[in-house]
Amino acid sequence: MKRTRVFLASLGRRTVNFPNSTPPMGILCLAAYLRSRLDLDLLLMDQRVENASMESVVRRAADFGADVVGLSVMTPFASMLGPLTQSLRAALPEAFIVVGGPHVSAFEAGALAGNVADAAVTGEGECALEQVILARQEGADLGGIPGLLWRNPRRVRAPGLHPPQDGGDAITLNPGATPIVEEIDALPFPAYDLLDVSKYWVLPPMAHLAPHKYLSLFSSRGCPCKCIYCHRVFGKRFRASSPERLVAEIEHYAKVFGVTDIEFLDDIFNFDPKRVFAICDLIAKRNLKLRINFPNAVRTDALTEEVVDALVGAGLYHSAFALESGSPRMQKFMGKHLNIDKFLQGVRWATDRGVFAHGFTMLGFPTETEDDMQATLDVACNSRLHTATFFTVIPFPNTELYAYVAKHTPDKLKGVDYDDSEYTGVRINLSVVPDEVLFGYQRAGWRRFYLNPARIARIVRDYPNPWFLPYFMPMFTIRATKRLFAKG
């Protein structure tokens, strides 16, 4: 029997505002899992690191002769799906096209609107995609795959899901939840051997750092916090690899690929302090001289001085710290319940030990007032953070925030442009203040934070590669001028 050929592509393009790139963990984990379970041929493509055209993606899949095409996409690049799947269908008329990634987890059935993909997988994709491929190999129906969204040629559909306006097949949502991997230790290492990892070493990574020899990994999946704005890709239950399994993976990357840095993409790496200590102890015992980076942030108010010491001893040199709001009232509203005093203390512990600290803030939550916004600016600007971003709150579908807005102020959802590939042009205001006030505070945050001579001096002094700072000047200039001079 012919071996099934599976082509997996992570979609996206680099831009002036976001010149960064990071390994596509979604398709790397999928590929590793599939080849450990099935006899098939695999080809991977990261459109973003190559900055490849859609035509290049189609050509790569067609030349490979793909039987199954899997497309992983984040919402800012989901507008590609229409023309891309049309071109893939023309080039590979018999191929089965399935989409996944954060966009599908947010939009669910809507992710199949405006394109000709055959199916969509929400949440974790390993188990579901395996079942899709097996069903295709055996000529079986797709109706038995829990949680799968697919175009049903028999036009049988679940309640509430309607045929697309283009007259295509009805979208069926199978009953049950998308299956997940319960034991993280059972997963094989991501399939980095199927990509040219050196391409990531000549571009800035997710964090605004100089290019370096690094690889990314997830040491855990899921986050028990109940932030109303957050995604549900990995669910709310924390599942982690054992310290032994994790350090073995890190050691593998060091030996096989010669990396000098490890980038953790966990939602909440420091959820279990005992696990953190065990990981750091094993890194020391195995004499792994690697630098560690947390671009997705750590839960800062859960840090202790001992945990920070352990992480720094293991190689931590850069981390993001997610404040979101400096208002205790908004912390309660958003469900994060961050202890702001402990947040500030955690940042101080890290920066006192030489860690370069980047902060995340968000302005424009429902019910947010000027006092709340001022509190966020005060906390961020008076903190020991080296750099920070002041994002506009965006309500993504399938979040509690979206449900709240849909219930209380549905008209505001009409202003969301989910196709904005840089998130910088999104003009939505969920707060109770006028637009000019919200965006005025946002501009003031950028001004006050960065036009601080002491902070500028600290950035230059503490940035891991000061010689590389001019590279980011165009990006920072564009962001700053948009906020400083654009009309609110």
Protein backbone atom coordinates (compact mmCIF):
# COMPACT_ATOMS: atom_id res chain seq x y z
CA MET A 1 0.00 0.00 0.00
CA LYS A 2 1.22 3.49 -0.84
CA ARG A 3 2.61 5.41 2.11
CA THR A 4 0.50 8.40 3.03
CA ARG A 5 2.26 11.69 2.37
CA VAL A 6 1.53 14.39 4.95
CA PHE A 7 2.53 18.01 4.36
CA LEU A 8 2.39 20.28 7.43
CA ALA A 9 2.79 24.05 7.10
CA SER A 10 2.82 26.81 9.69
CA LEU A 11 1.41 29.96 8.07
CA GLY A 12 2.52 33.56 8.56
CA ARG A 13 4.77 36.30 7.24
CA ARG A 14 7.35 38.55 8.87
CA THR A 15 6.63 42.29 8.93
CA VAL A 16 8.44 45.48 9.87
CA ASN A 17 6.60 45.61 13.19
CA PHE A 18 7.17 41.90 13.82
CA PRO A 19 10.44 40.82 12.21
CA ASN A 20 10.78 38.00 14.71
CA SER A 21 10.49 34.29 14.11
CA THR A 22 10.27 31.27 16.37
CA PRO A 23 10.14 27.55 15.61
CA PRO A 24 6.58 26.37 14.76
CA MET A 25 5.95 24.17 17.77
CA GLY A 26 2.53 23.11 16.54
CA ILE A 27 3.64 21.29 13.41
CA LEU A 28 6.89 20.12 15.05
CA CYS A 29 4.93 18.34 17.79
CA LEU A 30 2.39 16.99 15.29
CA ALA A 31 5.07 15.58 13.03
CA ALA A 32 6.93 13.91 15.90
CA TYR A 33 3.74 12.30 17.21
CA LEU A 34 2.49 11.13 13.81
CA ARG A 35 5.73 9.45 12.78
CA SER A 36 5.90 7.67 16.13
CA ARG A 37 2.46 6.18 15.52
CA LEU A 38 2.00 5.80 11.75
CA ASP A 39 3.97 4.68 8.72
CA LEU A 40 3.98 7.78 6.53
CA ASP A 41 6.13 10.36 4.73
CA LEU A 42 6.32 13.85 6.23
CA LEU A 43 7.32 17.25 4.90
CA LEU A 44 7.28 20.41 7.04
CA MET A 45 7.33 24.06 6.02
CA ASP A 46 7.49 27.21 8.14
CA GLN A 47 6.23 29.99 5.91
CA ARG A 48 7.20 32.71 8.37
CA VAL A 49 10.88 31.86 8.75
CA GLU A 50 11.20 31.62 4.97
CA ASN A 51 8.91 34.62 4.40
CA ALA A 52 7.61 32.51 1.55
CA SER A 53 4.71 33.42 -0.71
CA MET A 54 1.47 31.44 -0.75
CA GLU A 55 2.49 30.20 -4.20
CA SER A 56 5.62 28.71 -2.64
CA VAL A 57 3.55 26.87 -0.03
CA VAL A 58 1.31 25.40 -2.72
CA ARG A 59 4.27 24.45 -4.92
CA ARG A 60 6.03 22.70 -2.02
CA ALA A 61 2.91 20.66 -1.20
CA ALA A 62 2.25 19.81 -4.85
CA ASP A 63 5.84 18.77 -5.58
CA PHE A 64 5.69 16.52 -2.52
CA GLY A 65 2.46 14.96 -3.79
CA ALA A 66 0.71 15.42 -0.46
CA ASP A 67 -2.26 13.19 0.39
CA VAL A 68 -3.01 15.18 3.55
CA VAL A 69 -2.24 18.89 4.00
CA GLY A 70 -2.26 20.31 7.52
CA LEU A 71 -2.22 24.09 7.95
CA SER A 72 -1.49 25.65 11.34
CA VAL A 73 -2.52 29.29 11.57
CA MET A 74 -2.87 32.12 14.05
CA THR A 75 -5.75 34.56 13.61
CA PRO A 76 -3.75 37.50 12.16
CA PHE A 77 -2.85 35.33 9.15
CA ALA A 78 -6.14 33.46 8.78
CA SER A 79 -7.08 35.60 5.75
CA MET A 80 -4.59 33.47 3.83
CA LEU A 81 -6.76 30.39 4.18
CA GLY A 82 -9.23 31.32 1.45
CA PRO A 83 -6.85 31.80 -1.49
CA LEU A 84 -4.36 29.25 -0.17
CA THR A 85 -6.82 26.38 0.17
CA GLN A 86 -8.32 27.22 -3.24
CA SER A 87 -4.87 26.98 -4.82
CA LEU A 88 -4.08 23.78 -2.91
CA ARG A 89 -7.36 22.24 -4.09
CA ALA A 90 -6.52 23.11 -7.69
CA ALA A 91 -3.00 21.68 -7.41
CA LEU A 92 -3.95 18.63 -5.32
CA PRO A 93 -7.60 17.82 -6.06
CA GLU A 94 -7.54 14.53 -4.12
CA ALA A 95 -5.71 15.83 -1.05
CA PHE A 96 -7.48 16.19 2.30
CA ILE A 97 -6.95 19.68 3.75
CA VAL A 98 -7.23 20.19 7.50
CA VAL A 99 -6.63 23.41 9.44
CA GLY A 100 -5.64 23.85 13.06
CA GLY A 101 -3.82 26.11 15.45
CA PRO A 102 -4.95 28.96 17.71
CA HIS A 103 -7.25 30.43 15.04
CA VAL A 104 -9.35 27.28 14.86
CA SER A 105 -9.52 27.01 18.65
CA ALA A 106 -10.88 30.56 18.76
CA PHE A 107 -13.25 30.55 15.77
CA GLU A 108 -14.18 26.86 15.64
CA ALA A 109 -16.67 26.37 12.76
CA GLY A 110 -15.96 29.92 11.59
CA ALA A 111 -12.43 28.80 10.70
CA LEU A 112 -13.94 26.87 7.76
CA ALA A 113 -15.84 29.88 6.44
CA GLY A 114 -14.49 31.45 3.26
CA ASN A 115 -12.15 28.58 2.42
CA VAL A 116 -12.33 25.04 1.04
CA ALA A 117 -10.51 23.14 3.78
CA ASP A 118 -12.11 19.77 4.49
CA ALA A 119 -11.83 19.78 8.28
CA ALA A 120 -10.67 21.75 11.30
CA VAL A 121 -9.16 20.58 14.59
CA THR A 122 -9.56 22.63 17.75
CA GLY A 123 -7.18 22.44 20.69
CA GLU A 124 -4.36 19.90 20.66
CA GLY A 125 -4.04 18.27 17.28
CA GLU A 126 -1.95 15.12 17.77
CA CYS A 127 -4.65 12.54 18.52
CA ALA A 128 -7.28 14.06 16.21
CA LEU A 129 -4.97 14.34 13.19
CA GLU A 130 -3.82 10.75 13.70
CA GLN A 131 -7.45 9.64 13.59
CA VAL A 132 -8.12 11.73 10.49
CA ILE A 133 -5.21 10.13 8.64
CA LEU A 134 -6.26 6.64 9.71
CA ALA A 135 -9.82 7.32 8.55
CA ARG A 136 -8.51 8.48 5.18
CA GLN A 137 -6.29 5.42 4.83
CA GLU A 138 -9.13 3.05 5.67
CA GLY A 139 -11.83 4.90 3.74
CA ALA A 140 -13.78 5.37 6.95
CA ASP A 141 -16.24 8.09 7.88
CA LEU A 142 -14.99 11.05 9.90
CA GLY A 143 -18.02 11.06 12.19
CA GLY A 144 -16.31 9.06 14.91
CA ILE A 145 -13.52 11.54 15.64
CA PRO A 146 -14.52 13.51 18.77
CA GLY A 147 -14.65 17.28 18.42
CA LEU A 148 -13.75 17.30 14.72
CA LEU A 149 -15.29 19.97 12.49
CA TRP A 150 -15.68 18.75 8.92
CA ARG A 151 -17.58 19.34 5.71
CA ASN A 152 -20.21 16.64 5.44
CA PRO A 153 -21.18 15.87 1.84
CA ARG A 154 -24.42 14.35 3.12
CA ARG A 155 -25.29 17.78 4.46
CA VAL A 156 -26.05 16.51 7.97
CA ARG A 157 -25.12 19.12 10.48
CA ALA A 158 -25.11 19.71 14.18
CA PRO A 159 -27.69 22.11 15.64
CA GLY A 160 -26.64 25.71 15.19
CA LEU A 161 -24.12 25.00 12.42
CA HIS A 162 -25.36 26.08 9.00
CA PRO A 163 -24.22 25.49 5.44
CA PRO A 164 -21.76 28.13 4.25
CA GLN A 165 -23.13 30.84 2.02
CA ASP A 166 -20.96 29.65 -0.88
CA GLY A 167 -23.15 26.55 -1.17
CA GLY A 168 -20.49 24.09 -0.03
CA ASP A 169 -21.04 21.09 2.18
CA ALA A 170 -22.57 21.58 5.61
CA ILE A 171 -20.19 21.77 8.54
CA THR A 172 -20.62 18.98 11.07
CA LEU A 173 -19.31 19.17 14.62
CA ASN A 174 -18.74 15.70 16.00
CA PRO A 175 -19.88 15.15 19.60
CA GLY A 176 -17.29 15.04 22.35
CA ALA A 177 -14.13 17.00 23.08
CA THR A 178 -10.98 16.90 20.98
CA PRO A 179 -8.78 14.21 22.60
CA ILE A 180 -5.64 15.39 24.37
CA VAL A 181 -2.36 13.81 25.35
CA GLU A 182 -2.62 13.02 29.04
CA GLU A 183 1.01 12.00 29.67
CA ILE A 184 3.39 14.66 28.40
CA ASP A 185 6.36 12.38 29.04
CA ALA A 186 4.94 9.97 26.45
CA LEU A 187 5.36 12.53 23.67
CA PRO A 188 8.44 12.26 21.45
CA PHE A 189 10.76 15.24 21.13
CA PRO A 190 9.55 17.78 18.53
CA ALA A 191 10.69 16.86 15.01
CA TYR A 192 13.38 19.52 14.65
CA ASP A 193 15.29 17.24 12.27
CA LEU A 194 12.60 17.92 9.65
CA LEU A 195 13.42 21.64 9.51
CA ASP A 196 16.62 23.58 8.90
CA VAL A 197 17.00 24.97 12.41
CA SER A 198 19.89 27.24 11.36
CA LYS A 199 17.33 29.51 9.66
CA TYR A 200 16.08 30.55 13.10
CA TRP A 201 19.57 31.52 14.21
CA VAL A 202 19.90 34.43 11.76
CA LEU A 203 16.62 36.11 12.80
CA PRO A 204 15.50 37.64 16.10
CA PRO A 205 13.50 35.13 18.19
CA MET A 206 10.09 35.78 19.75
CA ALA A 207 11.66 38.04 22.37
CA HIS A 208 13.41 41.12 20.99
CA LEU A 209 16.88 39.68 21.23
CA ALA A 210 19.83 39.31 18.90
CA PRO A 211 19.93 36.16 16.74
CA HIS A 212 21.48 33.22 18.56
CA LYS A 213 21.60 29.41 18.46
CA TYR A 214 18.41 28.46 20.26
CA LEU A 215 15.45 26.09 20.10
CA SER A 216 11.99 26.40 21.65
CA LEU A 217 10.06 23.90 23.71
CA PHE A 218 6.96 23.35 25.81
CA SER A 219 7.67 21.73 29.16
CA SER A 220 3.99 21.77 30.09
CA ARG A 221 0.52 22.24 28.65
CA GLY A 222 -2.49 23.94 30.13
CA CYS A 223 -2.96 26.72 32.66
CA PRO A 224 -5.34 26.61 35.65
CA CYS A 225 -5.66 30.41 35.80
CA LYS A 226 -9.02 31.78 34.69
CA CYS A 227 -8.10 34.93 32.78
CA ILE A 228 -11.14 35.85 30.72
CA TYR A 229 -9.12 36.97 27.67
CA CYS A 230 -7.05 33.79 27.33
CA HIS A 231 -7.13 31.03 24.73
CA ARG A 232 -8.06 27.40 25.36
CA VAL A 233 -5.64 25.61 23.05
CA PHE A 234 -4.18 23.45 25.83
CA GLY A 235 -7.10 23.65 28.25
CA LYS A 236 -7.14 24.72 31.88
CA ARG A 237 -5.55 21.65 33.47
CA PHE A 238 -1.80 21.82 34.05
CA ARG A 239 0.03 18.82 32.54
CA ALA A 240 3.80 18.81 32.72
CA SER A 241 6.74 16.69 31.70
CA SER A 242 8.86 15.27 34.48
CA PRO A 243 12.10 17.09 35.28
CA GLU A 244 14.06 14.06 34.01
CA ARG A 245 12.22 13.99 30.66
CA LEU A 246 12.57 17.76 30.24
CA VAL A 247 16.29 17.93 30.99
CA ALA A 248 16.87 14.96 28.67
CA GLU A 249 15.21 16.98 25.90
CA ILE A 250 17.35 20.04 26.65
CA GLU A 251 20.49 17.88 26.67
CA HIS A 252 19.43 16.35 23.33
CA TYR A 253 19.17 19.80 21.72
CA ALA A 254 22.57 20.79 23.05
CA LYS A 255 24.29 17.65 21.76
CA VAL A 256 22.51 17.20 18.42
CA PHE A 257 22.00 20.81 17.33
CA GLY A 258 24.67 22.64 19.32
CA VAL A 259 22.25 25.18 20.75
CA THR A 260 23.36 27.72 23.34
CA ASP A 261 19.89 28.97 24.39
CA ILE A 262 16.57 27.37 25.31
CA GLU A 263 13.28 29.27 24.89
CA PHE A 264 10.41 28.01 27.07
CA LEU A 265 6.95 28.76 25.62
CA ASP A 266 4.90 27.45 28.57
CA ASP A 267 1.83 29.34 29.71
CA ILE A 268 2.82 28.94 33.37
CA PHE A 269 6.24 27.29 33.71
CA ASN A 270 6.55 28.07 37.43
CA PHE A 271 3.17 26.62 38.47
CA ASP A 272 4.91 23.96 40.59
CA PRO A 273 7.95 25.37 42.47
CA LYS A 274 9.18 21.88 43.47
CA ARG A 275 9.31 20.95 39.80
CA VAL A 276 11.26 24.13 39.02
CA PHE A 277 13.85 23.32 41.69
CA ALA A 278 14.18 19.75 40.40
CA ILE A 279 14.70 20.96 36.82
CA CYS A 280 17.34 23.48 37.87
CA ASP A 281 19.13 20.88 40.00
CA LEU A 282 19.30 18.44 37.07
CA ILE A 283 20.59 21.16 34.73
CA ALA A 284 23.38 21.85 37.21
CA LYS A 285 24.20 18.16 37.75
CA ARG A 286 24.48 17.57 34.01
CA ASN A 287 26.59 20.71 33.62
CA LEU A 288 24.41 22.13 30.85
CA LYS A 289 25.81 25.59 30.20
CA LEU A 290 22.77 27.00 28.42
CA ARG A 291 20.97 30.32 28.66
CA ILE A 292 17.24 30.29 29.39
CA ASN A 293 14.53 32.65 28.16
CA PHE A 294 10.79 32.91 28.97
CA PRO A 295 9.29 35.09 26.18
CA ASN A 296 5.73 34.09 27.16
CA ALA A 297 6.28 35.28 30.73
CA VAL A 298 6.14 33.58 34.12
CA ARG A 299 3.48 33.94 36.79
CA THR A 300 5.34 36.72 38.54
CA ASP A 301 3.44 36.93 41.82
CA ALA A 302 4.10 33.19 42.35
CA LEU A 303 7.86 33.72 42.29
CA THR A 304 9.93 33.46 45.42
CA GLU A 305 13.47 34.67 45.86
CA GLU A 306 14.60 31.04 46.03
CA VAL A 307 12.89 30.18 42.73
CA VAL A 308 14.47 33.19 41.04
CA ASP A 309 17.88 32.20 42.38
CA ALA A 310 17.42 28.66 41.07
CA LEU A 311 16.35 29.84 37.61
CA VAL A 312 19.19 32.35 37.33
CA GLY A 313 21.61 29.65 38.45
CA ALA A 314 20.26 27.42 35.67
CA GLY A 315 20.87 30.13 33.06
CA LEU A 316 17.88 32.51 33.07
CA TYR A 317 18.89 35.81 31.45
CA HIS A 318 15.67 37.13 29.87
CA SER A 319 12.01 36.85 30.79
CA ALA A 320 8.68 38.50 30.17
CA PHE A 321 6.49 39.44 33.13
CA ALA A 322 2.75 39.76 32.48
CA LEU A 323 1.19 42.60 34.47
CA GLU A 324 -1.79 43.23 32.18
CA SER A 325 -3.37 45.77 34.55
CA GLY A 326 -2.10 47.74 37.54
CA SER A 327 -5.63 48.09 38.89
CA PRO A 328 -6.69 45.59 41.59
CA ARG A 329 -10.29 46.04 40.46
CA MET A 330 -9.43 45.10 36.88
CA GLN A 331 -7.34 42.16 38.07
CA LYS A 332 -10.47 40.81 39.75
CA PHE A 333 -12.62 41.54 36.70
CA MET A 334 -10.26 39.79 34.25
CA GLY A 335 -9.96 36.75 36.52
CA LYS A 336 -6.17 36.89 36.79
CA HIS A 337 -6.11 38.07 40.42
CA LEU A 338 -2.46 39.10 40.19
CA ASN A 339 -0.97 40.39 43.45
CA ILE A 340 0.57 43.61 42.16
CA ASP A 341 2.96 44.15 45.07
CA LYS A 342 4.30 40.61 44.63
CA PHE A 343 4.56 41.24 40.89
CA LEU A 344 6.78 44.26 41.48
CA GLN A 345 8.87 42.31 43.99
CA GLY A 346 9.31 39.44 41.53
CA VAL A 347 10.52 41.81 38.83
CA ARG A 348 12.99 43.38 41.29
CA TRP A 349 14.36 39.99 42.31
CA ALA A 350 14.92 39.10 38.67
CA THR A 351 16.47 42.38 37.55
CA ASP A 352 18.70 42.56 40.64
CA ARG A 353 20.18 39.26 39.42
CA GLY A 354 20.82 40.49 35.90
CA VAL A 355 17.68 39.25 34.15
CA PHE A 356 16.47 41.51 31.33
CA ALA A 357 12.76 42.08 32.03
CA HIS A 358 10.00 42.76 29.51
CA GLY A 359 6.46 43.61 30.64
CA PHE A 360 3.04 43.00 29.09
CA THR A 361 0.18 45.41 29.76
CA MET A 362 -3.34 45.69 28.35
CA LEU A 363 -5.62 48.72 28.22
CA GLY A 364 -9.31 48.85 27.35
CA PHE A 365 -11.08 46.12 29.33
CA PRO A 366 -14.86 46.36 29.75
CA THR A 367 -15.78 48.63 32.69
CA GLU A 368 -12.21 50.05 32.76
CA THR A 369 -12.02 53.68 33.86
CA GLU A 370 -9.40 56.41 33.65
CA ASP A 371 -8.34 55.62 37.20
CA ASP A 372 -7.76 51.98 36.23
CA MET A 373 -5.70 53.00 33.21
CA GLN A 374 -3.66 55.44 35.24
CA ALA A 375 -2.94 52.68 37.73
CA THR A 376 -1.56 50.49 34.94
CA LEU A 377 0.72 53.25 33.69
CA ASP A 378 1.90 54.04 37.22
CA VAL A 379 2.74 50.42 38.04
CA ALA A 380 4.49 49.71 34.74
CA CYS A 381 6.41 52.97 34.57
CA ASN A 382 7.54 52.84 38.19
CA SER A 383 8.59 49.20 37.98
CA ARG A 384 12.04 47.75 37.29
CA LEU A 385 10.92 46.47 33.89
CA HIS A 386 13.41 47.28 31.15
CA THR A 387 10.90 47.26 28.29
CA ALA A 388 7.13 46.99 28.01
CA THR A 389 4.27 46.87 25.54
CA PHE A 390 0.92 48.61 25.93
CA PHE A 391 -1.58 46.49 24.04
CA THR A 392 -5.21 47.20 23.25
CA VAL A 393 -7.54 44.56 24.67
CA ILE A 394 -8.90 42.39 21.85
CA PRO A 395 -11.82 40.01 22.53
CA PHE A 396 -11.17 36.76 20.68
CA PRO A 397 -14.04 34.35 20.07
CA ASN A 398 -14.38 31.38 22.40
CA THR A 399 -13.14 33.35 25.41
CA GLU A 400 -15.09 34.57 28.41
CA LEU A 401 -14.17 38.12 27.44
CA TYR A 402 -15.82 37.72 24.05
CA ALA A 403 -18.94 36.26 25.65
CA TYR A 404 -19.08 39.18 28.10
CA VAL A 405 -18.82 41.77 25.33
CA ALA A 406 -21.33 39.92 23.14
CA LYS A 407 -23.80 40.02 26.02
CA HIS A 408 -23.27 43.55 27.35
CA THR A 409 -21.98 45.66 24.42
CA PRO A 410 -22.39 43.60 21.23
CA ASP A 411 -22.06 46.61 18.94
CA LYS A 412 -18.41 46.99 19.95
CA LEU A 413 -17.54 43.68 18.32
CA LYS A 414 -18.22 45.24 14.94
CA GLY A 415 -14.99 47.24 15.29
CA VAL A 416 -12.65 44.26 15.53
CA ASP A 417 -10.42 43.59 12.53
CA TYR A 418 -9.12 40.09 13.14
CA ASP A 419 -7.25 40.21 9.83
CA ASP A 420 -4.81 42.82 11.15
CA SER A 421 -1.58 40.86 10.83
CA GLU A 422 0.30 43.13 13.24
CA TYR A 423 -2.35 43.87 15.90
CA THR A 424 -1.19 47.50 15.82
CA GLY A 425 -4.06 48.83 13.73
CA VAL A 426 -6.84 47.34 15.82
CA ARG A 427 -9.13 50.15 16.94
CA ILE A 428 -11.53 48.77 19.50
CA ASN A 429 -12.49 50.25 22.83
CA LEU A 430 -14.28 48.01 25.32
CA SER A 431 -13.82 50.42 28.22
CA VAL A 432 -16.22 53.03 29.59
CA VAL A 433 -14.11 56.00 28.48
CA PRO A 434 -14.21 57.65 25.03
CA ASP A 435 -11.81 56.49 22.32
CA GLU A 436 -9.62 59.55 22.58
CA VAL A 437 -9.14 58.93 26.30
CA LEU A 438 -8.26 55.23 25.96
CA PHE A 439 -5.80 55.74 23.12
CA GLY A 440 -4.50 58.84 24.82
CA TYR A 441 -3.54 56.76 27.85
CA GLN A 442 -1.97 54.19 25.55
CA ARG A 443 0.17 56.83 23.86
CA ALA A 444 1.02 58.32 27.24
CA GLY A 445 2.18 54.92 28.42
CA TRP A 446 4.64 54.58 25.56
CA ARG A 447 5.90 58.12 26.08
CA ARG A 448 6.26 57.94 29.83
CA PHE A 449 7.83 54.50 29.85
CA TYR A 450 10.41 54.94 27.12
CA LEU A 451 11.24 58.64 27.42
CA ASN A 452 12.82 58.01 30.79
CA PRO A 453 16.59 58.63 30.73
CA ALA A 454 17.21 56.25 33.63
CA ARG A 455 15.32 53.46 31.87
CA ILE A 456 17.11 54.09 28.58
CA ALA A 457 20.42 53.83 30.42
CA ARG A 458 19.33 50.55 32.05
CA ILE A 459 18.28 49.12 28.67
CA VAL A 460 21.63 49.92 27.11
CA ARG A 461 23.49 48.63 30.16
CA ASP A 462 21.56 45.38 30.66
CA TYR A 463 20.44 44.34 27.16
CA PRO A 464 22.19 41.03 26.38
CA ASN A 465 23.59 42.32 23.06
CA PRO A 466 23.69 46.17 23.09
CA TRP A 467 25.25 46.25 19.63
CA PHE A 468 22.00 44.78 18.24
CA LEU A 469 19.66 47.43 19.66
CA PRO A 470 19.72 49.62 16.50
CA TYR A 471 18.11 46.72 14.60
CA PHE A 472 14.85 47.32 16.46
CA MET A 473 14.79 51.09 15.94
CA PRO A 474 12.52 51.00 12.83
CA MET A 475 10.03 48.76 14.63
CA PHE A 476 9.98 50.86 17.82
CA THR A 477 9.79 54.07 15.77
CA ILE A 478 6.75 52.84 13.85
CA ARG A 479 5.00 51.67 17.02
CA ALA A 480 5.82 54.87 18.88
CA THR A 481 4.79 57.25 16.13
CA LYS A 482 1.53 55.39 15.55
CA ARG A 483 0.68 55.87 19.19
CA LEU A 484 2.21 59.28 19.69
CA PHE A 485 0.84 61.02 16.64
CA ALA A 486 -2.09 58.99 15.32
CA LYS A 487 -5.45 60.42 16.13
CA GLY A 488 -7.09 58.61 18.99
